[in-house]
Amino acid sequence: SMSDLLPYIEDKKAYEEMLSILDVPAN
C-alpha cells in the first residue's frame, strides 16, 4: 500500500502532501 511505501520515501512530508492534494487515501 501507499502507506507501506512511506518508510522508503526520503521526503515524507512532500509525499503525504502529494497524496492529500491528489485525493488518494494512503491505504
mmCIF file of all heavy atoms, coordinates in Angstrom:
data_MODEL
# 
_entry.id   MODEL 
# 
loop_
_atom_site.group_PDB 
_atom_site.id 
_atom_site.type_symbol 
_atom_site.label_atom_id 
_atom_site.label_alt_id 
_atom_site.label_comp_id 
_atom_site.label_asym_id 
_atom_site.label_entity_id 
_atom_site.label_seq_id 
_atom_site.pdbx_PDB_ins_code 
_atom_site.Cartn_x 
_atom_site.Cartn_y 
_atom_site.Cartn_z 
_atom_site.occupancy 
_atom_site.B_iso_or_equiv 
_atom_site.pdbx_formal_charge 
_atom_site.auth_seq_id 
_atom_site.auth_comp_id 
_atom_site.auth_asym_id 
_atom_site.auth_atom_id 
_atom_site.pdbx_PDB_model_num 
ATOM 1   N N   . SER A 1 1  ? 0.838   -1.193 0.000  1.00 0.00 ? 1  SER A N   1 
ATOM 2   C CA  . SER A 1 1  ? 0.000   0.000  0.000  1.00 0.00 ? 1  SER A CA  1 
ATOM 3   C C   . SER A 1 1  ? 0.871   1.241  0.000  1.00 0.00 ? 1  SER A C   1 
ATOM 4   O O   . SER A 1 1  ? 2.078   1.185  0.285  1.00 0.00 ? 1  SER A O   1 
ATOM 5   C CB  . SER A 1 1  ? -0.916  0.011  1.226  1.00 0.00 ? 1  SER A CB  1 
ATOM 6   O OG  . SER A 1 1  ? -0.160  0.261  2.399  1.00 0.00 ? 1  SER A OG  1 
ATOM 7   N N   . MET A 1 2  ? 0.244   2.374  -0.292 1.00 0.00 ? 2  MET A N   1 
ATOM 8   C CA  . MET A 1 2  ? 0.996   3.624  -0.294 1.00 0.00 ? 2  MET A CA  1 
ATOM 9   C C   . MET A 1 2  ? 1.581   3.913  1.087  1.00 0.00 ? 2  MET A C   1 
ATOM 10  O O   . MET A 1 2  ? 2.666   4.471  1.213  1.00 0.00 ? 2  MET A O   1 
ATOM 11  C CB  . MET A 1 2  ? 0.093   4.776  -0.748 1.00 0.00 ? 2  MET A CB  1 
ATOM 12  C CG  . MET A 1 2  ? -0.579  4.550  -2.103 1.00 0.00 ? 2  MET A CG  1 
ATOM 13  S SD  . MET A 1 2  ? 0.587   4.185  -3.431 1.00 0.00 ? 2  MET A SD  1 
ATOM 14  C CE  . MET A 1 2  ? 1.269   5.806  -3.732 1.00 0.00 ? 2  MET A CE  1 
ATOM 15  N N   . SER A 1 3  ? 0.868   3.504  2.137  1.00 0.00 ? 3  SER A N   1 
ATOM 16  C CA  . SER A 1 3  ? 1.402   3.700  3.487  1.00 0.00 ? 3  SER A CA  1 
ATOM 17  C C   . SER A 1 3  ? 2.568   2.752  3.756  1.00 0.00 ? 3  SER A C   1 
ATOM 18  O O   . SER A 1 3  ? 3.510   3.095  4.488  1.00 0.00 ? 3  SER A O   1 
ATOM 19  C CB  . SER A 1 3  ? 0.300   3.506  4.532  1.00 0.00 ? 3  SER A CB  1 
ATOM 20  O OG  . SER A 1 3  ? -0.317  2.250  4.396  1.00 0.00 ? 3  SER A OG  1 
ATOM 21  N N   . ASP A 1 4  ? 2.547   1.532  3.166  1.00 0.00 ? 4  ASP A N   1 
ATOM 22  C CA  . ASP A 1 4  ? 3.670   0.604  3.299  1.00 0.00 ? 4  ASP A CA  1 
ATOM 23  C C   . ASP A 1 4  ? 4.947   1.182  2.686  1.00 0.00 ? 4  ASP A C   1 
ATOM 24  O O   . ASP A 1 4  ? 6.060   0.880  3.134  1.00 0.00 ? 4  ASP A O   1 
ATOM 25  C CB  . ASP A 1 4  ? 3.358   -0.721 2.593  1.00 0.00 ? 4  ASP A CB  1 
ATOM 26  C CG  . ASP A 1 4  ? 2.274   -1.519 3.283  1.00 0.00 ? 4  ASP A CG  1 
ATOM 27  O OD1 . ASP A 1 4  ? 2.073   -1.324 4.494  1.00 0.00 ? 4  ASP A OD1 1 
ATOM 28  O OD2 . ASP A 1 4  ? 1.610   -2.330 2.602  1.00 0.00 ? 4  ASP A OD2 1 
ATOM 29  N N   . LEU A 1 5  ? 4.765   2.018  1.664  1.00 0.00 ? 5  LEU A N   1 
ATOM 30  C CA  . LEU A 1 5  ? 5.920   2.577  0.955  1.00 0.00 ? 5  LEU A CA  1 
ATOM 31  C C   . LEU A 1 5  ? 6.575   3.730  1.709  1.00 0.00 ? 5  LEU A C   1 
ATOM 32  O O   . LEU A 1 5  ? 7.719   4.083  1.436  1.00 0.00 ? 5  LEU A O   1 
ATOM 33  C CB  . LEU A 1 5  ? 5.499   3.066  -0.432 1.00 0.00 ? 5  LEU A CB  1 
ATOM 34  C CG  . LEU A 1 5  ? 4.873   2.039  -1.371 1.00 0.00 ? 5  LEU A CG  1 
ATOM 35  C CD1 . LEU A 1 5  ? 4.502   2.692  -2.695 1.00 0.00 ? 5  LEU A CD1 1 
ATOM 36  C CD2 . LEU A 1 5  ? 5.810   0.873  -1.608 1.00 0.00 ? 5  LEU A CD2 1 
ATOM 37  N N   . LEU A 1 6  ? 5.839   4.300  2.657  1.00 0.00 ? 6  LEU A N   1 
ATOM 38  C CA  . LEU A 1 6  ? 6.289   5.514  3.323  1.00 0.00 ? 6  LEU A CA  1 
ATOM 39  C C   . LEU A 1 6  ? 7.700   5.404  3.924  1.00 0.00 ? 6  LEU A C   1 
ATOM 40  O O   . LEU A 1 6  ? 8.494   6.345  3.808  1.00 0.00 ? 6  LEU A O   1 
ATOM 41  C CB  . LEU A 1 6  ? 5.279   5.929  4.394  1.00 0.00 ? 6  LEU A CB  1 
ATOM 42  C CG  . LEU A 1 6  ? 5.489   7.291  5.052  1.00 0.00 ? 6  LEU A CG  1 
ATOM 43  C CD1 . LEU A 1 6  ? 5.492   8.403  4.005  1.00 0.00 ? 6  LEU A CD1 1 
ATOM 44  C CD2 . LEU A 1 6  ? 4.417   7.543  6.110  1.00 0.00 ? 6  LEU A CD2 1 
ATOM 45  N N   . PRO A 1 7  ? 8.070   4.274  4.575  1.00 0.00 ? 7  PRO A N   1 
ATOM 46  C CA  . PRO A 1 7  ? 9.425   4.195  5.149  1.00 0.00 ? 7  PRO A CA  1 
ATOM 47  C C   . PRO A 1 7  ? 10.545  4.340  4.120  1.00 0.00 ? 7  PRO A C   1 
ATOM 48  O O   . PRO A 1 7  ? 11.669  4.689  4.485  1.00 0.00 ? 7  PRO A O   1 
ATOM 49  C CB  . PRO A 1 7  ? 9.447   2.795  5.788  1.00 0.00 ? 7  PRO A CB  1 
ATOM 50  C CG  . PRO A 1 7  ? 8.018   2.481  6.060  1.00 0.00 ? 7  PRO A CG  1 
ATOM 51  C CD  . PRO A 1 7  ? 7.262   3.096  4.931  1.00 0.00 ? 7  PRO A CD  1 
ATOM 52  N N   . TYR A 1 8  ? 10.248  4.076  2.853  1.00 0.00 ? 8  TYR A N   1 
ATOM 53  C CA  . TYR A 1 8  ? 11.275  4.140  1.818  1.00 0.00 ? 8  TYR A CA  1 
ATOM 54  C C   . TYR A 1 8  ? 11.326  5.503  1.130  1.00 0.00 ? 8  TYR A C   1 
ATOM 55  O O   . TYR A 1 8  ? 12.184  5.727  0.289  1.00 0.00 ? 8  TYR A O   1 
ATOM 56  C CB  . TYR A 1 8  ? 11.019  3.059  0.759  1.00 0.00 ? 8  TYR A CB  1 
ATOM 57  C CG  . TYR A 1 8  ? 11.082  1.660  1.323  1.00 0.00 ? 8  TYR A CG  1 
ATOM 58  C CD1 . TYR A 1 8  ? 9.915   1.014  1.748  1.00 0.00 ? 8  TYR A CD1 1 
ATOM 59  C CD2 . TYR A 1 8  ? 12.289  0.995  1.453  1.00 0.00 ? 8  TYR A CD2 1 
ATOM 60  C CE1 . TYR A 1 8  ? 9.965   -0.271 2.278  1.00 0.00 ? 8  TYR A CE1 1 
ATOM 61  C CE2 . TYR A 1 8  ? 12.350  -0.286 1.984  1.00 0.00 ? 8  TYR A CE2 1 
ATOM 62  C CZ  . TYR A 1 8  ? 11.183  -0.908 2.394  1.00 0.00 ? 8  TYR A CZ  1 
ATOM 63  O OH  . TYR A 1 8  ? 11.233  -2.167 2.919  1.00 0.00 ? 8  TYR A OH  1 
ATOM 64  N N   . ILE A 1 9  ? 10.402  6.379  1.494  1.00 0.00 ? 9  ILE A N   1 
ATOM 65  C CA  . ILE A 1 9  ? 10.330  7.696  0.865  1.00 0.00 ? 9  ILE A CA  1 
ATOM 66  C C   . ILE A 1 9  ? 11.227  8.668  1.620  1.00 0.00 ? 9  ILE A C   1 
ATOM 67  O O   . ILE A 1 9  ? 11.130  8.809  2.840  1.00 0.00 ? 9  ILE A O   1 
ATOM 68  C CB  . ILE A 1 9  ? 8.882   8.216  0.856  1.00 0.00 ? 9  ILE A CB  1 
ATOM 69  C CG1 . ILE A 1 9  ? 7.949   7.202  0.187  1.00 0.00 ? 9  ILE A CG1 1 
ATOM 70  C CG2 . ILE A 1 9  ? 8.806   9.565  0.162  1.00 0.00 ? 9  ILE A CG2 1 
ATOM 71  C CD1 . ILE A 1 9  ? 8.306   6.889  -1.238 1.00 0.00 ? 9  ILE A CD1 1 
ATOM 72  N N   . GLU A 1 10 ? 12.108  9.344  0.891  1.00 0.00 ? 10 GLU A N   1 
ATOM 73  C CA  . GLU A 1 10 ? 13.050  10.262 1.534  1.00 0.00 ? 10 GLU A CA  1 
ATOM 74  C C   . GLU A 1 10 ? 12.346  11.513 2.051  1.00 0.00 ? 10 GLU A C   1 
ATOM 75  O O   . GLU A 1 10 ? 12.538  11.918 3.198  1.00 0.00 ? 10 GLU A O   1 
ATOM 76  C CB  . GLU A 1 10 ? 14.151  10.630 0.536  1.00 0.00 ? 10 GLU A CB  1 
ATOM 77  C CG  . GLU A 1 10 ? 15.035  9.446  0.159  1.00 0.00 ? 10 GLU A CG  1 
ATOM 78  C CD  . GLU A 1 10 ? 16.003  9.787  -0.944 1.00 0.00 ? 10 GLU A CD  1 
ATOM 79  O OE1 . GLU A 1 10 ? 16.003  10.958 -1.389 1.00 0.00 ? 10 GLU A OE1 1 
ATOM 80  O OE2 . GLU A 1 10 ? 16.758  8.903  -1.384 1.00 0.00 ? 10 GLU A OE2 1 
ATOM 81  N N   . ASP A 1 11 ? 11.530  12.135 1.225  1.00 0.00 ? 11 ASP A N   1 
ATOM 82  C CA  . ASP A 1 11 ? 10.821  13.351 1.617  1.00 0.00 ? 11 ASP A CA  1 
ATOM 83  C C   . ASP A 1 11 ? 9.389   12.975 1.995  1.00 0.00 ? 11 ASP A C   1 
ATOM 84  O O   . ASP A 1 11 ? 8.458   13.081 1.204  1.00 0.00 ? 11 ASP A O   1 
ATOM 85  C CB  . ASP A 1 11 ? 10.837  14.364 0.472  1.00 0.00 ? 11 ASP A CB  1 
ATOM 86  C CG  . ASP A 1 11 ? 10.326  15.738 0.908  1.00 0.00 ? 11 ASP A CG  1 
ATOM 87  O OD1 . ASP A 1 11 ? 9.700   15.823 1.985  1.00 0.00 ? 11 ASP A OD1 1 
ATOM 88  O OD2 . ASP A 1 11 ? 10.543  16.709 0.161  1.00 0.00 ? 11 ASP A OD2 1 
ATOM 89  N N   . LYS A 1 12 ? 9.211   12.523 3.243  1.00 0.00 ? 12 LYS A N   1 
ATOM 90  C CA  . LYS A 1 12 ? 7.918   12.011 3.671  1.00 0.00 ? 12 LYS A CA  1 
ATOM 91  C C   . LYS A 1 12 ? 6.847   13.098 3.722  1.00 0.00 ? 12 LYS A C   1 
ATOM 92  O O   . LYS A 1 12 ? 5.686   12.863 3.400  1.00 0.00 ? 12 LYS A O   1 
ATOM 93  C CB  . LYS A 1 12 ? 8.061   11.339 5.044  1.00 0.00 ? 12 LYS A CB  1 
ATOM 94  C CG  . LYS A 1 12 ? 8.903   10.068 5.006  1.00 0.00 ? 12 LYS A CG  1 
ATOM 95  C CD  . LYS A 1 12 ? 9.045   9.463  6.379  1.00 0.00 ? 12 LYS A CD  1 
ATOM 96  C CE  . LYS A 1 12 ? 9.730   8.110  6.341  1.00 0.00 ? 12 LYS A CE  1 
ATOM 97  N NZ  . LYS A 1 12 ? 11.044  8.135  5.666  1.00 0.00 ? 12 LYS A NZ  1 
ATOM 98  N N   . LYS A 1 13 ? 7.222   14.290 4.116  1.00 0.00 ? 13 LYS A N   1 
ATOM 99  C CA  . LYS A 1 13 ? 6.247   15.379 4.193  1.00 0.00 ? 13 LYS A CA  1 
ATOM 100 C C   . LYS A 1 13 ? 5.694   15.703 2.811  1.00 0.00 ? 13 LYS A C   1 
ATOM 101 O O   . LYS A 1 13 ? 4.478   15.840 2.630  1.00 0.00 ? 13 LYS A O   1 
ATOM 102 C CB  . LYS A 1 13 ? 6.894   16.620 4.802  1.00 0.00 ? 13 LYS A CB  1 
ATOM 103 C CG  . LYS A 1 13 ? 5.926   17.792 4.943  1.00 0.00 ? 13 LYS A CG  1 
ATOM 104 C CD  . LYS A 1 13 ? 6.606   19.003 5.578  1.00 0.00 ? 13 LYS A CD  1 
ATOM 105 C CE  . LYS A 1 13 ? 5.629   20.173 5.701  1.00 0.00 ? 13 LYS A CE  1 
ATOM 106 N NZ  . LYS A 1 13 ? 6.287   21.369 6.280  1.00 0.00 ? 13 LYS A NZ  1 
ATOM 107 N N   . ALA A 1 14 ? 6.577   15.806 1.832  1.00 0.00 ? 14 ALA A N   1 
ATOM 108 C CA  . ALA A 1 14 ? 6.139   16.114 0.470  1.00 0.00 ? 14 ALA A CA  1 
ATOM 109 C C   . ALA A 1 14 ? 5.260   14.988 -0.081 1.00 0.00 ? 14 ALA A C   1 
ATOM 110 O O   . ALA A 1 14 ? 4.280   15.233 -0.786 1.00 0.00 ? 14 ALA A O   1 
ATOM 111 C CB  . ALA A 1 14 ? 7.343   16.341 -0.432 1.00 0.00 ? 14 ALA A CB  1 
ATOM 112 N N   . TYR A 1 15 ? 5.610   13.760 0.260  1.00 0.00 ? 15 TYR A N   1 
ATOM 113 C CA  . TYR A 1 15 ? 4.843   12.598 -0.196 1.00 0.00 ? 15 TYR A CA  1 
ATOM 114 C C   . TYR A 1 15 ? 3.427   12.630 0.361  1.00 0.00 ? 15 TYR A C   1 
ATOM 115 O O   . TYR A 1 15 ? 2.442   12.430 -0.367 1.00 0.00 ? 15 TYR A O   1 
ATOM 116 C CB  . TYR A 1 15 ? 5.572   11.335 0.247  1.00 0.00 ? 15 TYR A CB  1 
ATOM 117 C CG  . TYR A 1 15 ? 4.900   10.030 -0.105 1.00 0.00 ? 15 TYR A CG  1 
ATOM 118 C CD1 . TYR A 1 15 ? 4.860   9.565  -1.403 1.00 0.00 ? 15 TYR A CD1 1 
ATOM 119 C CD2 . TYR A 1 15 ? 4.335   9.237  0.892  1.00 0.00 ? 15 TYR A CD2 1 
ATOM 120 C CE1 . TYR A 1 15 ? 4.263   8.348  -1.717 1.00 0.00 ? 15 TYR A CE1 1 
ATOM 121 C CE2 . TYR A 1 15 ? 3.744   8.027  0.600  1.00 0.00 ? 15 TYR A CE2 1 
ATOM 122 C CZ  . TYR A 1 15 ? 3.709   7.585  -0.712 1.00 0.00 ? 15 TYR A CZ  1 
ATOM 123 O OH  . TYR A 1 15 ? 3.120   6.392  -1.003 1.00 0.00 ? 15 TYR A OH  1 
ATOM 124 N N   . GLU A 1 16 ? 3.293   12.919 1.660  1.00 0.00 ? 16 GLU A N   1 
ATOM 125 C CA  . GLU A 1 16 ? 1.973   12.972 2.282  1.00 0.00 ? 16 GLU A CA  1 
ATOM 126 C C   . GLU A 1 16 ? 1.156   14.139 1.731  1.00 0.00 ? 16 GLU A C   1 
ATOM 127 O O   . GLU A 1 16 ? -0.063  14.026 1.538  1.00 0.00 ? 16 GLU A O   1 
ATOM 128 C CB  . GLU A 1 16 ? 2.128   13.077 3.798  1.00 0.00 ? 16 GLU A CB  1 
ATOM 129 C CG  . GLU A 1 16 ? 2.672   11.789 4.418  1.00 0.00 ? 16 GLU A CG  1 
ATOM 130 C CD  . GLU A 1 16 ? 3.027   11.941 5.875  1.00 0.00 ? 16 GLU A CD  1 
ATOM 131 O OE1 . GLU A 1 16 ? 3.215   13.103 6.326  1.00 0.00 ? 16 GLU A OE1 1 
ATOM 132 O OE2 . GLU A 1 16 ? 3.121   10.916 6.578  1.00 0.00 ? 16 GLU A OE2 1 
ATOM 133 N N   . GLU A 1 17 ? 1.820   15.254 1.465  1.00 0.00 ? 17 GLU A N   1 
ATOM 134 C CA  . GLU A 1 17 ? 1.120   16.393 0.870  1.00 0.00 ? 17 GLU A CA  1 
ATOM 135 C C   . GLU A 1 17 ? 0.612   16.045 -0.527 1.00 0.00 ? 17 GLU A C   1 
ATOM 136 O O   . GLU A 1 17 ? -0.492  16.427 -0.912 1.00 0.00 ? 17 GLU A O   1 
ATOM 137 C CB  . GLU A 1 17 ? 2.048   17.603 0.797  1.00 0.00 ? 17 GLU A CB  1 
ATOM 138 C CG  . GLU A 1 17 ? 2.339   18.239 2.152  1.00 0.00 ? 17 GLU A CG  1 
ATOM 139 C CD  . GLU A 1 17 ? 3.335   19.381 2.050  1.00 0.00 ? 17 GLU A CD  1 
ATOM 140 O OE1 . GLU A 1 17 ? 3.905   19.575 0.944  1.00 0.00 ? 17 GLU A OE1 1 
ATOM 141 O OE2 . GLU A 1 17 ? 3.571   20.062 3.071  1.00 0.00 ? 17 GLU A OE2 1 
ATOM 142 N N   . MET A 1 18 ? 1.423   15.307 -1.259 1.00 0.00 ? 18 MET A N   1 
ATOM 143 C CA  . MET A 1 18 ? 1.046   14.895 -2.606 1.00 0.00 ? 18 MET A CA  1 
ATOM 144 C C   . MET A 1 18 ? -0.205  14.016 -2.579 1.00 0.00 ? 18 MET A C   1 
ATOM 145 O O   . MET A 1 18 ? -1.147  14.213 -3.350 1.00 0.00 ? 18 MET A O   1 
ATOM 146 C CB  . MET A 1 18 ? 2.201   14.139 -3.253 1.00 0.00 ? 18 MET A CB  1 
ATOM 147 C CG  . MET A 1 18 ? 1.918   13.557 -4.623 1.00 0.00 ? 18 MET A CG  1 
ATOM 148 S SD  . MET A 1 18 ? 3.331   12.610 -5.194 1.00 0.00 ? 18 MET A SD  1 
ATOM 149 C CE  . MET A 1 18 ? 3.362   11.278 -3.979 1.00 0.00 ? 18 MET A CE  1 
ATOM 150 N N   . LEU A 1 19 ? -0.241  13.058 -1.667 1.00 0.00 ? 19 LEU A N   1 
ATOM 151 C CA  . LEU A 1 19 ? -1.412  12.179 -1.553 1.00 0.00 ? 19 LEU A CA  1 
ATOM 152 C C   . LEU A 1 19 ? -2.653  12.975 -1.182 1.00 0.00 ? 19 LEU A C   1 
ATOM 153 O O   . LEU A 1 19 ? -3.746  12.711 -1.671 1.00 0.00 ? 19 LEU A O   1 
ATOM 154 C CB  . LEU A 1 19 ? -1.152  11.095 -0.506 1.00 0.00 ? 19 LEU A CB  1 
ATOM 155 C CG  . LEU A 1 19 ? -0.070  10.062 -0.830 1.00 0.00 ? 19 LEU A CG  1 
ATOM 156 C CD1 . LEU A 1 19 ? 0.076   9.087  0.325  1.00 0.00 ? 19 LEU A CD1 1 
ATOM 157 C CD2 . LEU A 1 19 ? -0.408  9.318  -2.112 1.00 0.00 ? 19 LEU A CD2 1 
ATOM 158 N N   . SER A 1 20 ? -2.485  13.963 -0.321 1.00 0.00 ? 20 SER A N   1 
ATOM 159 C CA  . SER A 1 20 ? -3.614  14.791 0.089  1.00 0.00 ? 20 SER A CA  1 
ATOM 160 C C   . SER A 1 20 ? -4.150  15.609 -1.080 1.00 0.00 ? 20 SER A C   1 
ATOM 161 O O   . SER A 1 20 ? -5.359  15.671 -1.321 1.00 0.00 ? 20 SER A O   1 
ATOM 162 C CB  . SER A 1 20 ? -3.186  15.720 1.227  1.00 0.00 ? 20 SER A CB  1 
ATOM 163 O OG  . SER A 1 20 ? -4.218  16.608 1.561  1.00 0.00 ? 20 SER A OG  1 
ATOM 164 N N   . ILE A 1 21 ? -3.252  16.226 -1.828 1.00 0.00 ? 21 ILE A N   1 
ATOM 165 C CA  . ILE A 1 21 ? -3.660  17.054 -2.968 1.00 0.00 ? 21 ILE A CA  1 
ATOM 166 C C   . ILE A 1 21 ? -4.358  16.222 -4.029 1.00 0.00 ? 21 ILE A C   1 
ATOM 167 O O   . ILE A 1 21 ? -5.364  16.632 -4.618 1.00 0.00 ? 21 ILE A O   1 
ATOM 168 C CB  . ILE A 1 21 ? -2.432  17.764 -3.570 1.00 0.00 ? 21 ILE A CB  1 
ATOM 169 C CG1 . ILE A 1 21 ? -1.897  18.805 -2.590 1.00 0.00 ? 21 ILE A CG1 1 
ATOM 170 C CG2 . ILE A 1 21 ? -2.787  18.433 -4.899 1.00 0.00 ? 21 ILE A CG2 1 
ATOM 171 C CD1 . ILE A 1 21 ? -0.563  19.384 -2.989 1.00 0.00 ? 21 ILE A CD1 1 
ATOM 172 N N   . LEU A 1 22 ? -3.836  15.020 -4.261 1.00 0.00 ? 22 LEU A N   1 
ATOM 173 C CA  . LEU A 1 22 ? -4.369  14.179 -5.325 1.00 0.00 ? 22 LEU A CA  1 
ATOM 174 C C   . LEU A 1 22 ? -5.553  13.334 -4.883 1.00 0.00 ? 22 LEU A C   1 
ATOM 175 O O   . LEU A 1 22 ? -6.047  12.517 -5.641 1.00 0.00 ? 22 LEU A O   1 
ATOM 176 C CB  . LEU A 1 22 ? -3.263  13.276 -5.866 1.00 0.00 ? 22 LEU A CB  1 
ATOM 177 C CG  . LEU A 1 22 ? -2.098  14.009 -6.541 1.00 0.00 ? 22 LEU A CG  1 
ATOM 178 C CD1 . LEU A 1 22 ? -1.065  13.019 -7.026 1.00 0.00 ? 22 LEU A CD1 1 
ATOM 179 C CD2 . LEU A 1 22 ? -2.597  14.865 -7.687 1.00 0.00 ? 22 LEU A CD2 1 
ATOM 180 N N   . ASP A 1 23 ? -6.013  13.530 -3.644 1.00 0.00 ? 23 ASP A N   1 
ATOM 181 C CA  . ASP A 1 23 ? -7.218  12.846 -3.181 1.00 0.00 ? 23 ASP A CA  1 
ATOM 182 C C   . ASP A 1 23 ? -7.040  11.331 -3.215 1.00 0.00 ? 23 ASP A C   1 
ATOM 183 O O   . ASP A 1 23 ? -7.896  10.594 -3.687 1.00 0.00 ? 23 ASP A O   1 
ATOM 184 C CB  . ASP A 1 23 ? -8.412  13.274 -4.038 1.00 0.00 ? 23 ASP A CB  1 
ATOM 185 C CG  . ASP A 1 23 ? -9.746  12.791 -3.475 1.00 0.00 ? 23 ASP A CG  1 
ATOM 186 O OD1 . ASP A 1 23 ? -9.819  12.580 -2.251 1.00 0.00 ? 23 ASP A OD1 1 
ATOM 187 O OD2 . ASP A 1 23 ? -10.697 12.615 -4.249 1.00 0.00 ? 23 ASP A OD2 1 
ATOM 188 N N   . VAL A 1 24 ? -5.902  10.851 -2.723 1.00 0.00 ? 24 VAL A N   1 
ATOM 189 C CA  . VAL A 1 24 ? -5.587  9.428  -2.746 1.00 0.00 ? 24 VAL A CA  1 
ATOM 190 C C   . VAL A 1 24 ? -5.357  8.921  -1.324 1.00 0.00 ? 24 VAL A C   1 
ATOM 191 O O   . VAL A 1 24 ? -4.325  9.217  -0.731 1.00 0.00 ? 24 VAL A O   1 
ATOM 192 C CB  . VAL A 1 24 ? -4.330  9.149  -3.596 1.00 0.00 ? 24 VAL A CB  1 
ATOM 193 C CG1 . VAL A 1 24 ? -4.032  7.657  -3.608 1.00 0.00 ? 24 VAL A CG1 1 
ATOM 194 C CG2 . VAL A 1 24 ? -4.512  9.669  -5.004 1.00 0.00 ? 24 VAL A CG2 1 
ATOM 195 N N   . PRO A 1 25 ? -6.278  8.178  -0.738 1.00 0.00 ? 25 PRO A N   1 
ATOM 196 C CA  . PRO A 1 25 ? -6.049  7.622  0.596  1.00 0.00 ? 25 PRO A CA  1 
ATOM 197 C C   . PRO A 1 25 ? -4.870  6.649  0.587  1.00 0.00 ? 25 PRO A C   1 
ATOM 198 O O   . PRO A 1 25 ? -4.773  5.790  -0.289 1.00 0.00 ? 25 PRO A O   1 
ATOM 199 C CB  . PRO A 1 25 ? -7.361  6.886  0.903  1.00 0.00 ? 25 PRO A CB  1 
ATOM 200 C CG  . PRO A 1 25 ? -8.368  7.476  -0.037 1.00 0.00 ? 25 PRO A CG  1 
ATOM 201 C CD  . PRO A 1 25 ? -7.614  7.853  -1.265 1.00 0.00 ? 25 PRO A CD  1 
ATOM 202 N N   . ALA A 1 26 ? -3.991  6.764  1.547  1.00 0.00 ? 26 ALA A N   1 
ATOM 203 C CA  . ALA A 1 26 ? -2.742  6.001  1.543  1.00 0.00 ? 26 ALA A CA  1 
ATOM 204 C C   . ALA A 1 26 ? -2.966  4.492  1.632  1.00 0.00 ? 26 ALA A C   1 
ATOM 205 O O   . ALA A 1 26 ? -2.113  3.715  1.215  1.00 0.00 ? 26 ALA A O   1 
ATOM 206 C CB  . ALA A 1 26 ? -1.845  6.460  2.686  1.00 0.00 ? 26 ALA A CB  1 
ATOM 207 N N   . ASN A 1 27 ? -4.094  4.057  2.203  1.00 0.00 ? 27 ASN A N   1 
ATOM 208 C CA  . ASN A 1 27 ? -4.336  2.619  2.357  1.00 0.00 ? 27 ASN A CA  1 
ATOM 209 C C   . ASN A 1 27 ? -5.243  2.046  1.279  1.00 0.00 ? 27 ASN A C   1 
ATOM 210 O O   . ASN A 1 27 ? -5.465  0.832  1.234  1.00 0.00 ? 27 ASN A O   1 
ATOM 211 C CB  . ASN A 1 27 ? -4.948  2.332  3.731  1.00 0.00 ? 27 ASN A CB  1 
ATOM 212 C CG  . ASN A 1 27 ? -3.949  2.549  4.853  1.00 0.00 ? 27 ASN A CG  1 
ATOM 213 O OD1 . ASN A 1 27 ? -2.823  2.075  4.771  1.00 0.00 ? 27 ASN A OD1 1 
ATOM 214 N ND2 . ASN A 1 27 ? -4.351  3.274  5.884  1.00 0.00 ? 27 ASN A ND2 1 
# 
